[in-house]
Amino acid sequence: MVGPGDLLAIEVWKEDELTNDKVVVTPDGYIDFPLTGSIEVMDRTLSEVADRLVDRLREFIQDPIVTVELKESRSAQVQVYGEVKTQGPVPYRDRLSLVQAIGDAGGPEYRTAKFEAVHIVRGALDEPQLIALDLEYILEGVEKDVFLEPGDIVVVPPKYVTQFDRYVQQLLAPLAVASGTVGAAGGAAITGQ
């Protein structure tokens, strides 16, 4: 199904001036295409979008043949959270793997990420399926990378020492601010593995 932000490639056979591989679906679910104007495509299959274009182009072209391809799905996403450089949504694309999604999120925070406890949350949140993975084994080629599905949530948890350090900083922050001796960012920093 086509959704907002998706990038489509539309080819009209023997009509090079109408072929465009950078057609973006608007936030309200429409595309603008030469001769046809604005066409609603939200929640339609690629073949349904092609059929709508054929119907509109018949006014201008005899027996048009239209091919619509999904170049990039920006409406379907996976979420990547935890110890990565940029947390949040990552656009889903066909055969998007765990390693690619983490890379799209800027990569793992090597100092703080707990590689052996990465997991994917899949399915409805009231009964999620949890898939536990060892990212280090995947990166070393010991285990196979996993393909993600739209809506998956990837969690790269922090190391125990990172959790402890953050807990201590939260405890000490009010004392440091009250005493005025340490900046508001916190006092002690515990480092190490």
N, C-alpha and C. Protein backbone atom coordinates (compact mmCIF):
# COMPACT_ATOMS: atom_id res chain seq x y z
N MET A 1 0.83 -1.19 0.00
CA MET A 1 0.00 0.00 0.00
C MET A 1 0.88 1.25 0.00
N VAL A 2 0.47 2.22 -0.77
CA VAL A 2 1.21 3.47 -0.88
C VAL A 2 0.80 4.39 0.26
N GLY A 3 1.78 5.10 0.82
CA GLY A 3 1.49 6.01 1.92
C GLY A 3 2.24 7.33 1.78
N PRO A 4 1.97 8.28 2.66
CA PRO A 4 2.60 9.60 2.60
C PRO A 4 4.12 9.51 2.64
N GLY A 5 4.77 10.29 1.78
CA GLY A 5 6.21 10.36 1.75
C GLY A 5 6.87 9.31 0.88
N ASP A 6 6.11 8.29 0.43
CA ASP A 6 6.69 7.25 -0.41
C ASP A 6 7.23 7.86 -1.71
N LEU A 7 8.31 7.27 -2.20
CA LEU A 7 8.95 7.72 -3.44
C LEU A 7 8.63 6.69 -4.52
N LEU A 8 7.95 7.15 -5.59
CA LEU A 8 7.52 6.27 -6.67
C LEU A 8 8.29 6.56 -7.94
N ALA A 9 8.49 5.52 -8.74
CA ALA A 9 9.03 5.67 -10.09
C ALA A 9 7.88 5.31 -11.04
N ILE A 10 7.52 6.26 -11.91
CA ILE A 10 6.41 6.05 -12.83
C ILE A 10 6.94 6.13 -14.26
N GLU A 11 6.66 5.07 -15.01
CA GLU A 11 7.11 5.02 -16.41
C GLU A 11 5.89 4.89 -17.31
N VAL A 12 5.82 5.74 -18.31
CA VAL A 12 4.77 5.64 -19.33
C VAL A 12 5.48 5.19 -20.61
N TRP A 13 5.13 4.01 -21.08
CA TRP A 13 5.82 3.39 -22.21
C TRP A 13 5.75 4.28 -23.44
N LYS A 14 6.91 4.49 -24.05
CA LYS A 14 7.09 5.31 -25.25
C LYS A 14 6.76 6.78 -25.03
N GLU A 15 6.73 7.22 -23.79
CA GLU A 15 6.48 8.64 -23.45
C GLU A 15 7.56 9.08 -22.46
N ASP A 16 8.79 9.26 -22.97
CA ASP A 16 9.93 9.58 -22.10
C ASP A 16 9.73 10.85 -21.29
N GLU A 17 9.03 11.83 -21.86
CA GLU A 17 8.84 13.09 -21.13
C GLU A 17 7.90 12.94 -19.93
N LEU A 18 7.15 11.84 -19.88
CA LEU A 18 6.26 11.60 -18.73
C LEU A 18 6.90 10.68 -17.69
N THR A 19 7.96 9.99 -18.06
CA THR A 19 8.60 9.07 -17.13
C THR A 19 9.33 9.86 -16.05
N ASN A 20 9.09 9.48 -14.79
CA ASN A 20 9.68 10.20 -13.65
C ASN A 20 9.94 9.20 -12.52
N ASP A 21 11.19 9.14 -12.07
CA ASP A 21 11.51 8.20 -10.99
C ASP A 21 11.61 8.89 -9.63
N LYS A 22 11.07 10.10 -9.52
CA LYS A 22 11.13 10.83 -8.25
C LYS A 22 9.77 11.46 -7.91
N VAL A 23 8.73 10.67 -7.97
CA VAL A 23 7.39 11.16 -7.64
C VAL A 23 7.14 10.88 -6.16
N VAL A 24 6.93 11.95 -5.39
CA VAL A 24 6.74 11.82 -3.94
C VAL A 24 5.26 11.96 -3.60
N VAL A 25 4.77 11.04 -2.77
CA VAL A 25 3.39 11.10 -2.30
C VAL A 25 3.29 12.19 -1.23
N THR A 26 2.35 13.10 -1.41
CA THR A 26 2.19 14.23 -0.48
C THR A 26 1.67 13.73 0.87
N PRO A 27 1.80 14.55 1.92
CA PRO A 27 1.32 14.13 3.25
C PRO A 27 -0.16 13.76 3.28
N ASP A 28 -0.97 14.35 2.37
CA ASP A 28 -2.39 14.00 2.34
C ASP A 28 -2.71 12.88 1.36
N GLY A 29 -1.66 12.24 0.77
CA GLY A 29 -1.87 11.03 -0.02
C GLY A 29 -2.08 11.20 -1.51
N TYR A 30 -1.58 12.29 -2.09
CA TYR A 30 -1.75 12.55 -3.52
C TYR A 30 -0.40 12.59 -4.23
N ILE A 31 -0.43 12.41 -5.55
CA ILE A 31 0.74 12.66 -6.39
C ILE A 31 0.31 13.66 -7.46
N ASP A 32 1.26 14.44 -7.90
CA ASP A 32 1.04 15.34 -9.04
C ASP A 32 1.80 14.77 -10.21
N PHE A 33 1.08 14.59 -11.34
CA PHE A 33 1.70 13.98 -12.51
C PHE A 33 1.29 14.77 -13.75
N PRO A 34 2.22 14.93 -14.70
CA PRO A 34 1.92 15.70 -15.90
C PRO A 34 0.67 15.16 -16.62
N LEU A 35 -0.11 16.06 -17.15
CA LEU A 35 -1.35 15.81 -17.87
C LEU A 35 -2.50 15.38 -16.97
N THR A 36 -2.24 14.63 -15.94
CA THR A 36 -3.31 14.10 -15.10
C THR A 36 -3.64 15.01 -13.92
N GLY A 37 -2.70 15.84 -13.53
CA GLY A 37 -2.88 16.67 -12.35
C GLY A 37 -2.73 15.84 -11.09
N SER A 38 -3.47 16.22 -10.05
CA SER A 38 -3.38 15.58 -8.75
C SER A 38 -4.25 14.32 -8.71
N ILE A 39 -3.65 13.21 -8.24
CA ILE A 39 -4.36 11.93 -8.14
C ILE A 39 -4.18 11.37 -6.74
N GLU A 40 -5.28 10.93 -6.13
CA GLU A 40 -5.19 10.32 -4.80
C GLU A 40 -4.65 8.89 -4.92
N VAL A 41 -3.62 8.58 -4.14
CA VAL A 41 -3.00 7.25 -4.19
C VAL A 41 -2.89 6.59 -2.82
N MET A 42 -3.30 7.29 -1.79
CA MET A 42 -3.19 6.79 -0.41
C MET A 42 -3.86 5.44 -0.25
N ASP A 43 -3.14 4.49 0.38
CA ASP A 43 -3.64 3.16 0.69
C ASP A 43 -4.05 2.36 -0.54
N ARG A 44 -3.42 2.63 -1.67
CA ARG A 44 -3.68 1.87 -2.89
C ARG A 44 -2.44 1.04 -3.22
N THR A 45 -2.64 -0.07 -3.92
CA THR A 45 -1.51 -0.86 -4.37
C THR A 45 -0.86 -0.16 -5.56
N LEU A 46 0.34 -0.60 -5.91
CA LEU A 46 1.03 -0.01 -7.05
C LEU A 46 0.26 -0.24 -8.34
N SER A 47 -0.36 -1.40 -8.49
CA SER A 47 -1.14 -1.65 -9.71
C SER A 47 -2.40 -0.77 -9.75
N GLU A 48 -3.00 -0.49 -8.60
CA GLU A 48 -4.16 0.42 -8.56
C GLU A 48 -3.74 1.83 -8.94
N VAL A 49 -2.57 2.26 -8.50
CA VAL A 49 -2.06 3.59 -8.88
C VAL A 49 -1.84 3.64 -10.38
N ALA A 50 -1.24 2.58 -10.94
CA ALA A 50 -1.02 2.51 -12.39
C ALA A 50 -2.34 2.57 -13.14
N ASP A 51 -3.35 1.85 -12.66
CA ASP A 51 -4.67 1.86 -13.31
C ASP A 51 -5.29 3.25 -13.29
N ARG A 52 -5.16 3.96 -12.17
CA ARG A 52 -5.72 5.32 -12.08
C ARG A 52 -5.02 6.25 -13.08
N LEU A 53 -3.69 6.10 -13.19
CA LEU A 53 -2.94 6.92 -14.15
C LEU A 53 -3.36 6.60 -15.59
N VAL A 54 -3.55 5.31 -15.90
CA VAL A 54 -3.99 4.91 -17.24
C VAL A 54 -5.33 5.54 -17.56
N ASP A 55 -6.27 5.48 -16.61
CA ASP A 55 -7.60 6.07 -16.83
C ASP A 55 -7.50 7.55 -17.15
N ARG A 56 -6.67 8.27 -16.42
CA ARG A 56 -6.53 9.72 -16.64
C ARG A 56 -5.77 10.04 -17.93
N LEU A 57 -4.75 9.24 -18.24
CA LEU A 57 -3.92 9.51 -19.42
C LEU A 57 -4.61 9.16 -20.73
N ARG A 58 -5.67 8.33 -20.68
CA ARG A 58 -6.41 7.97 -21.90
C ARG A 58 -6.97 9.19 -22.62
N GLU A 59 -7.21 10.25 -21.88
CA GLU A 59 -7.71 11.48 -22.51
C GLU A 59 -6.66 12.11 -23.44
N PHE A 60 -5.39 11.80 -23.21
CA PHE A 60 -4.30 12.45 -23.93
C PHE A 60 -3.46 11.50 -24.78
N ILE A 61 -3.42 10.21 -24.39
CA ILE A 61 -2.56 9.23 -25.05
C ILE A 61 -3.41 8.01 -25.39
N GLN A 62 -3.23 7.49 -26.60
CA GLN A 62 -3.98 6.29 -26.99
C GLN A 62 -3.35 5.06 -26.35
N ASP A 63 -4.13 4.29 -25.62
CA ASP A 63 -3.71 3.05 -24.97
C ASP A 63 -2.40 3.19 -24.18
N PRO A 64 -2.39 4.06 -23.17
CA PRO A 64 -1.15 4.22 -22.40
C PRO A 64 -0.82 2.97 -21.58
N ILE A 65 0.47 2.69 -21.48
CA ILE A 65 0.95 1.60 -20.65
C ILE A 65 1.80 2.22 -19.54
N VAL A 66 1.35 2.03 -18.30
CA VAL A 66 1.98 2.69 -17.16
C VAL A 66 2.52 1.64 -16.19
N THR A 67 3.76 1.86 -15.75
CA THR A 67 4.38 1.01 -14.73
C THR A 67 4.70 1.89 -13.53
N VAL A 68 4.30 1.44 -12.35
CA VAL A 68 4.59 2.17 -11.11
C VAL A 68 5.41 1.25 -10.21
N GLU A 69 6.53 1.79 -9.73
CA GLU A 69 7.43 1.03 -8.85
C GLU A 69 7.66 1.83 -7.57
N LEU A 70 7.72 1.14 -6.46
CA LEU A 70 8.04 1.78 -5.18
C LEU A 70 9.55 1.87 -5.05
N LYS A 71 10.10 3.08 -5.17
CA LYS A 71 11.55 3.27 -5.06
C LYS A 71 11.98 3.24 -3.60
N GLU A 72 11.20 3.91 -2.75
CA GLU A 72 11.52 3.94 -1.32
C GLU A 72 10.24 4.16 -0.53
N SER A 73 10.02 3.29 0.44
CA SER A 73 8.86 3.43 1.30
C SER A 73 9.25 4.30 2.49
N ARG A 74 8.69 5.49 2.51
CA ARG A 74 8.96 6.39 3.63
C ARG A 74 7.80 6.40 4.62
N SER A 75 6.67 5.83 4.21
CA SER A 75 5.53 5.76 5.12
C SER A 75 5.70 4.58 6.07
N ALA A 76 6.27 3.50 5.56
CA ALA A 76 6.57 2.35 6.42
C ALA A 76 7.91 2.62 7.09
N GLN A 77 7.97 2.39 8.38
CA GLN A 77 9.19 2.70 9.13
C GLN A 77 9.48 1.61 10.15
N VAL A 78 10.72 1.62 10.58
CA VAL A 78 11.10 0.88 11.78
C VAL A 78 11.64 1.93 12.76
N GLN A 79 11.54 1.64 14.03
CA GLN A 79 12.04 2.56 15.05
C GLN A 79 13.32 1.98 15.63
N VAL A 80 14.33 2.83 15.81
CA VAL A 80 15.59 2.38 16.40
C VAL A 80 15.85 3.24 17.63
N TYR A 81 15.96 2.58 18.80
CA TYR A 81 16.14 3.30 20.06
C TYR A 81 17.29 2.73 20.87
N GLY A 82 17.72 3.50 21.82
CA GLY A 82 18.77 3.06 22.73
C GLY A 82 20.11 3.68 22.39
N GLU A 83 21.13 2.88 22.45
CA GLU A 83 22.50 3.37 22.33
C GLU A 83 22.95 3.44 20.86
N VAL A 84 22.27 4.34 20.12
CA VAL A 84 22.63 4.65 18.74
C VAL A 84 22.81 6.17 18.65
N LYS A 85 23.46 6.63 17.61
CA LYS A 85 23.75 8.06 17.49
C LYS A 85 22.49 8.90 17.32
N THR A 86 21.50 8.41 16.53
CA THR A 86 20.27 9.16 16.31
C THR A 86 19.08 8.24 16.50
N GLN A 87 18.39 8.36 17.62
CA GLN A 87 17.22 7.53 17.89
C GLN A 87 16.02 8.03 17.10
N GLY A 88 15.15 7.09 16.75
CA GLY A 88 13.91 7.48 16.08
C GLY A 88 13.60 6.63 14.87
N PRO A 89 12.69 7.13 14.01
CA PRO A 89 12.25 6.34 12.86
C PRO A 89 13.31 6.26 11.76
N VAL A 90 13.34 5.10 11.12
CA VAL A 90 14.19 4.86 9.96
C VAL A 90 13.25 4.38 8.85
N PRO A 91 13.31 4.98 7.66
CA PRO A 91 12.42 4.53 6.58
C PRO A 91 12.65 3.06 6.25
N TYR A 92 11.56 2.33 6.12
CA TYR A 92 11.64 0.92 5.76
C TYR A 92 11.84 0.80 4.25
N ARG A 93 12.67 -0.13 3.85
CA ARG A 93 12.82 -0.49 2.44
C ARG A 93 12.92 -2.01 2.37
N ASP A 94 12.65 -2.55 1.22
CA ASP A 94 12.66 -3.99 1.04
C ASP A 94 14.02 -4.56 1.45
N ARG A 95 13.99 -5.63 2.24
CA ARG A 95 15.18 -6.35 2.71
C ARG A 95 16.07 -5.47 3.60
N LEU A 96 15.45 -4.59 4.38
CA LEU A 96 16.18 -3.79 5.37
C LEU A 96 16.59 -4.71 6.51
N SER A 97 17.89 -4.77 6.79
CA SER A 97 18.38 -5.66 7.84
C SER A 97 18.60 -4.89 9.14
N LEU A 98 18.80 -5.64 10.20
CA LEU A 98 19.08 -5.04 11.52
C LEU A 98 20.32 -4.15 11.44
N VAL A 99 21.39 -4.65 10.85
CA VAL A 99 22.64 -3.88 10.77
C VAL A 99 22.44 -2.61 9.95
N GLN A 100 21.69 -2.70 8.84
CA GLN A 100 21.43 -1.52 8.02
C GLN A 100 20.60 -0.48 8.79
N ALA A 101 19.59 -0.93 9.53
CA ALA A 101 18.75 0.00 10.29
C ALA A 101 19.56 0.72 11.36
N ILE A 102 20.42 -0.02 12.06
CA ILE A 102 21.27 0.61 13.08
C ILE A 102 22.24 1.58 12.41
N GLY A 103 22.75 1.21 11.24
CA GLY A 103 23.62 2.11 10.48
C GLY A 103 22.89 3.37 10.04
N ASP A 104 21.63 3.21 9.60
CA ASP A 104 20.83 4.37 9.20
C ASP A 104 20.56 5.30 10.37
N ALA A 105 20.60 4.75 11.59
CA ALA A 105 20.41 5.56 12.80
C ALA A 105 21.74 6.14 13.29
N GLY A 106 22.75 6.11 12.44
CA GLY A 106 24.05 6.70 12.80
C GLY A 106 25.04 5.71 13.37
N GLY A 107 24.61 4.47 13.55
CA GLY A 107 25.50 3.45 14.10
C GLY A 107 25.39 3.37 15.61
N PRO A 108 25.91 2.29 16.18
CA PRO A 108 25.84 2.12 17.64
C PRO A 108 26.84 3.02 18.36
N GLU A 109 26.53 3.33 19.59
CA GLU A 109 27.46 4.03 20.47
C GLU A 109 28.36 2.96 21.08
N TYR A 110 29.53 2.79 20.50
CA TYR A 110 30.40 1.67 20.88
C TYR A 110 30.78 1.68 22.37
N ARG A 111 30.95 2.87 22.95
CA ARG A 111 31.34 2.96 24.36
C ARG A 111 30.25 2.49 25.31
N THR A 112 29.00 2.69 24.92
CA THR A 112 27.91 2.46 25.87
C THR A 112 26.94 1.35 25.48
N ALA A 113 26.97 0.86 24.24
CA ALA A 113 26.00 -0.13 23.77
C ALA A 113 26.33 -1.53 24.27
N LYS A 114 25.29 -2.24 24.65
CA LYS A 114 25.42 -3.64 25.07
C LYS A 114 25.08 -4.51 23.85
N PHE A 115 26.09 -4.81 23.05
CA PHE A 115 25.93 -5.48 21.77
C PHE A 115 25.25 -6.85 21.88
N GLU A 116 25.53 -7.56 22.96
CA GLU A 116 25.03 -8.92 23.09
C GLU A 116 23.55 -9.00 23.48
N ALA A 117 22.91 -7.87 23.72
CA ALA A 117 21.52 -7.90 24.19
C ALA A 117 20.57 -7.08 23.31
N VAL A 118 20.93 -6.88 22.05
CA VAL A 118 20.05 -6.14 21.13
C VAL A 118 18.79 -6.97 20.91
N HIS A 119 17.64 -6.32 20.79
CA HIS A 119 16.43 -7.07 20.50
C HIS A 119 15.49 -6.29 19.59
N ILE A 120 14.64 -7.05 18.93
CA ILE A 120 13.62 -6.49 18.04
C ILE A 120 12.27 -6.77 18.69
N VAL A 121 11.43 -5.74 18.75
CA VAL A 121 10.06 -5.89 19.22
C VAL A 121 9.19 -5.90 17.97
N ARG A 122 8.46 -6.98 17.76
CA ARG A 122 7.69 -7.13 16.52
C ARG A 122 6.24 -7.44 16.86
N GLY A 123 5.34 -6.88 16.08
CA GLY A 123 3.91 -7.17 16.24
C GLY A 123 3.21 -6.19 17.14
N ALA A 124 1.98 -6.54 17.50
CA ALA A 124 1.15 -5.67 18.34
C ALA A 124 1.80 -5.50 19.71
N LEU A 125 1.75 -4.28 20.22
CA LEU A 125 2.42 -4.00 21.49
C LEU A 125 1.75 -4.64 22.69
N ASP A 126 0.48 -5.07 22.57
CA ASP A 126 -0.14 -5.76 23.70
C ASP A 126 0.32 -7.21 23.80
N GLU A 127 0.82 -7.79 22.69
CA GLU A 127 1.40 -9.13 22.71
C GLU A 127 2.61 -9.15 21.78
N PRO A 128 3.67 -8.42 22.13
CA PRO A 128 4.81 -8.33 21.22
C PRO A 128 5.63 -9.62 21.17
N GLN A 129 6.25 -9.81 20.04
CA GLN A 129 7.22 -10.90 19.90
C GLN A 129 8.59 -10.27 20.09
N LEU A 130 9.40 -10.82 20.99
CA LEU A 130 10.75 -10.30 21.23
C LEU A 130 11.76 -11.23 20.57
N ILE A 131 12.63 -10.64 19.77
CA ILE A 131 13.68 -11.40 19.10
C ILE A 131 15.01 -10.90 19.64
N ALA A 132 15.69 -11.75 20.42
CA ALA A 132 16.98 -11.37 21.02
C ALA A 132 18.11 -11.72 20.05
N LEU A 133 19.07 -10.79 19.92
CA LEU A 133 20.18 -10.96 18.98
C LEU A 133 21.48 -10.49 19.60
N ASP A 134 22.57 -11.05 19.13
CA ASP A 134 23.90 -10.60 19.54
C ASP A 134 24.50 -9.85 18.36
N LEU A 135 24.48 -8.53 18.42
CA LEU A 135 24.96 -7.70 17.32
C LEU A 135 26.44 -7.95 17.04
N GLU A 136 27.20 -8.20 18.08
CA GLU A 136 28.64 -8.45 17.89
C GLU A 136 28.85 -9.72 17.05
N TYR A 137 28.09 -10.77 17.33
CA TYR A 137 28.19 -12.01 16.55
C TYR A 137 27.78 -11.77 15.10
N ILE A 138 26.76 -10.94 14.89
CA ILE A 138 26.32 -10.64 13.53
C ILE A 138 27.42 -9.89 12.78
N LEU A 139 28.01 -8.88 13.44
CA LEU A 139 29.07 -8.10 12.80
C LEU A 139 30.32 -8.94 12.52
N GLU A 140 30.56 -9.97 13.34
CA GLU A 140 31.71 -10.85 13.15
C GLU A 140 31.42 -11.98 12.17
N GLY A 141 30.17 -12.11 11.74
CA GLY A 141 29.80 -13.16 10.80
C GLY A 141 29.50 -14.49 11.44
N VAL A 142 29.42 -14.54 12.76
CA VAL A 142 29.11 -15.78 13.47
C VAL A 142 27.62 -16.10 13.34
N GLU A 143 26.77 -15.07 13.40
CA GLU A 143 25.33 -15.22 13.21
C GLU A 143 24.91 -14.43 11.98
N LYS A 144 23.77 -14.82 11.40
CA LYS A 144 23.25 -14.12 10.22
C LYS A 144 22.51 -12.86 10.65
N ASP A 145 22.60 -11.84 9.78
CA ASP A 145 21.83 -10.62 9.98
C ASP A 145 20.35 -10.97 9.81
N VAL A 146 19.46 -10.17 10.37
CA VAL A 146 18.03 -10.43 10.35
C VAL A 146 17.34 -9.34 9.54
N PHE A 147 16.40 -9.74 8.66
CA PHE A 147 15.62 -8.76 7.93
C PHE A 147 14.49 -8.25 8.81
N LEU A 148 14.26 -6.95 8.75
CA LEU A 148 13.21 -6.33 9.56
C LEU A 148 11.91 -6.26 8.79
N GLU A 149 10.84 -6.00 9.52
CA GLU A 149 9.51 -5.82 8.93
C GLU A 149 9.03 -4.42 9.29
N PRO A 150 8.16 -3.83 8.45
CA PRO A 150 7.62 -2.51 8.79
C PRO A 150 6.98 -2.54 10.18
N GLY A 151 7.27 -1.51 10.96
CA GLY A 151 6.71 -1.42 12.31
C GLY A 151 7.59 -2.02 13.39
N ASP A 152 8.67 -2.71 13.02
CA ASP A 152 9.57 -3.28 14.03
C ASP A 152 10.21 -2.18 14.87
N ILE A 153 10.51 -2.50 16.11
CA ILE A 153 11.24 -1.60 17.00
C ILE A 153 12.55 -2.29 17.36
N VAL A 154 13.66 -1.63 17.06
CA VAL A 154 14.98 -2.15 17.38
C VAL A 154 15.48 -1.43 18.63
N VAL A 155 15.91 -2.20 19.62
CA VAL A 155 16.40 -1.62 20.87
C VAL A 155 17.85 -2.06 21.08
N VAL A 156 18.73 -1.07 21.20
CA VAL A 156 20.14 -1.33 21.51
C VAL A 156 20.33 -0.84 22.95
N PRO A 157 20.31 -1.76 23.93
CA PRO A 157 20.34 -1.34 25.33
C PRO A 157 21.72 -0.87 25.77
N PRO A 158 21.77 -0.13 26.88
CA PRO A 158 23.07 0.30 27.42
C PRO A 158 23.73 -0.82 28.23
N LYS A 159 25.05 -0.74 28.36
CA LYS A 159 25.79 -1.66 29.23
C LYS A 159 25.36 -1.41 30.67
N TYR A 160 25.56 -2.39 31.54
CA TYR A 160 25.19 -2.22 32.95
C TYR A 160 25.94 -1.06 33.58
N VAL A 161 27.23 -0.91 33.25
CA VAL A 161 28.01 0.17 33.84
C VAL A 161 27.48 1.54 33.36
N THR A 162 26.97 1.59 32.15
CA THR A 162 26.38 2.83 31.63
C THR A 162 25.10 3.15 32.40
N GLN A 163 24.28 2.13 32.65
CA GLN A 163 23.06 2.34 33.42
C GLN A 163 23.40 2.82 34.83
N PHE A 164 24.39 2.19 35.44
CA PHE A 164 24.80 2.58 36.80
C PHE A 164 25.33 4.01 36.81
N ASP A 165 26.15 4.37 35.84
CA ASP A 165 26.70 5.72 35.74
C ASP A 165 25.58 6.75 35.61
N ARG A 166 24.60 6.47 34.77
CA ARG A 166 23.48 7.40 34.59
C ARG A 166 22.65 7.52 35.87
N TYR A 167 22.48 6.41 36.57
CA TYR A 167 21.75 6.43 37.84
C TYR A 167 22.46 7.29 38.87
N VAL A 168 23.78 7.11 39.00
CA VAL A 168 24.57 7.90 39.94
C VAL A 168 24.52 9.38 39.57
N GLN A 169 24.61 9.69 38.28
CA GLN A 169 24.55 11.09 37.85
C GLN A 169 23.21 11.72 38.19
N GLN A 170 22.13 10.94 38.04
CA GLN A 170 20.81 11.45 38.41
C GLN A 170 20.72 11.72 39.91
N LEU A 171 21.31 10.85 40.70
CA LEU A 171 21.29 11.04 42.15
C LEU A 171 22.12 12.25 42.57
N LEU A 172 23.28 12.43 41.93
CA LEU A 172 24.19 13.50 42.32
C LEU A 172 23.85 14.86 41.72
N ALA A 173 23.10 14.89 40.64
CA ALA A 173 22.81 16.15 39.95
C ALA A 173 22.15 17.19 40.87
N PRO A 174 21.11 16.83 41.64
CA PRO A 174 20.51 17.84 42.52
C PRO A 174 21.49 18.36 43.58
N LEU A 175 22.35 17.48 44.09
CA LEU A 175 23.33 17.91 45.08
C LEU A 175 24.36 18.85 44.47
N ALA A 176 24.80 18.53 43.26
CA ALA A 176 25.80 19.36 42.58
C ALA A 176 25.24 20.73 42.26
N VAL A 177 23.99 20.79 41.82
CA VAL A 177 23.37 22.08 41.49
C VAL A 177 23.16 22.89 42.76
N ALA A 178 22.71 22.22 43.84
CA ALA A 178 22.46 22.92 45.10
C ALA A 178 23.74 23.49 45.69
N SER A 179 24.83 22.75 45.58
CA SER A 179 26.09 23.23 46.16
C SER A 179 26.75 24.28 45.28
N GLY A 180 26.40 24.28 43.98
CA GLY A 180 26.97 25.26 43.06
C GLY A 180 28.41 24.98 42.70
N THR A 181 28.93 23.84 43.11
CA THR A 181 30.35 23.54 42.83
C THR A 181 30.54 22.82 41.51
N VAL A 182 29.50 22.18 41.01
CA VAL A 182 29.61 21.42 39.77
C VAL A 182 28.53 21.91 38.83
N GLY A 183 28.82 21.91 37.54
CA GLY A 183 27.85 22.35 36.53
C GLY A 183 26.61 21.50 36.54
N ALA A 184 25.55 21.96 35.91
CA ALA A 184 24.28 21.28 35.89
C ALA A 184 24.32 19.95 35.16
N ALA A 185 25.37 19.69 34.40
CA ALA A 185 25.45 18.43 33.66
C ALA A 185 25.73 17.26 34.59
N GLY A 186 26.09 17.49 35.80
CA GLY A 186 26.34 16.40 36.72
C GLY A 186 27.76 16.41 37.21
N GLY A 187 28.02 15.59 38.16
CA GLY A 187 29.34 15.59 38.79
C GLY A 187 30.19 14.44 38.31
N ALA A 188 30.12 13.35 39.04
CA ALA A 188 31.02 12.23 38.80
C ALA A 188 30.68 11.53 37.50
N ALA A 189 31.68 11.03 36.85
CA ALA A 189 31.49 10.22 35.65
C ALA A 189 32.28 8.94 35.84
N ILE A 190 31.57 7.86 35.73
CA ILE A 190 32.20 6.56 35.87
C ILE A 190 32.46 6.04 34.46
N THR A 191 33.65 5.65 34.16
CA THR A 191 33.97 5.17 32.83
C THR A 191 34.44 3.74 32.91
N GLY A 192 34.49 3.09 31.78
CA GLY A 192 34.95 1.72 31.72
C GLY A 192 33.95 0.84 31.03
N GLN A 193 34.24 -0.43 30.99
CA GLN A 193 33.38 -1.39 30.30
C GLN A 193 32.43 -1.92 31.30
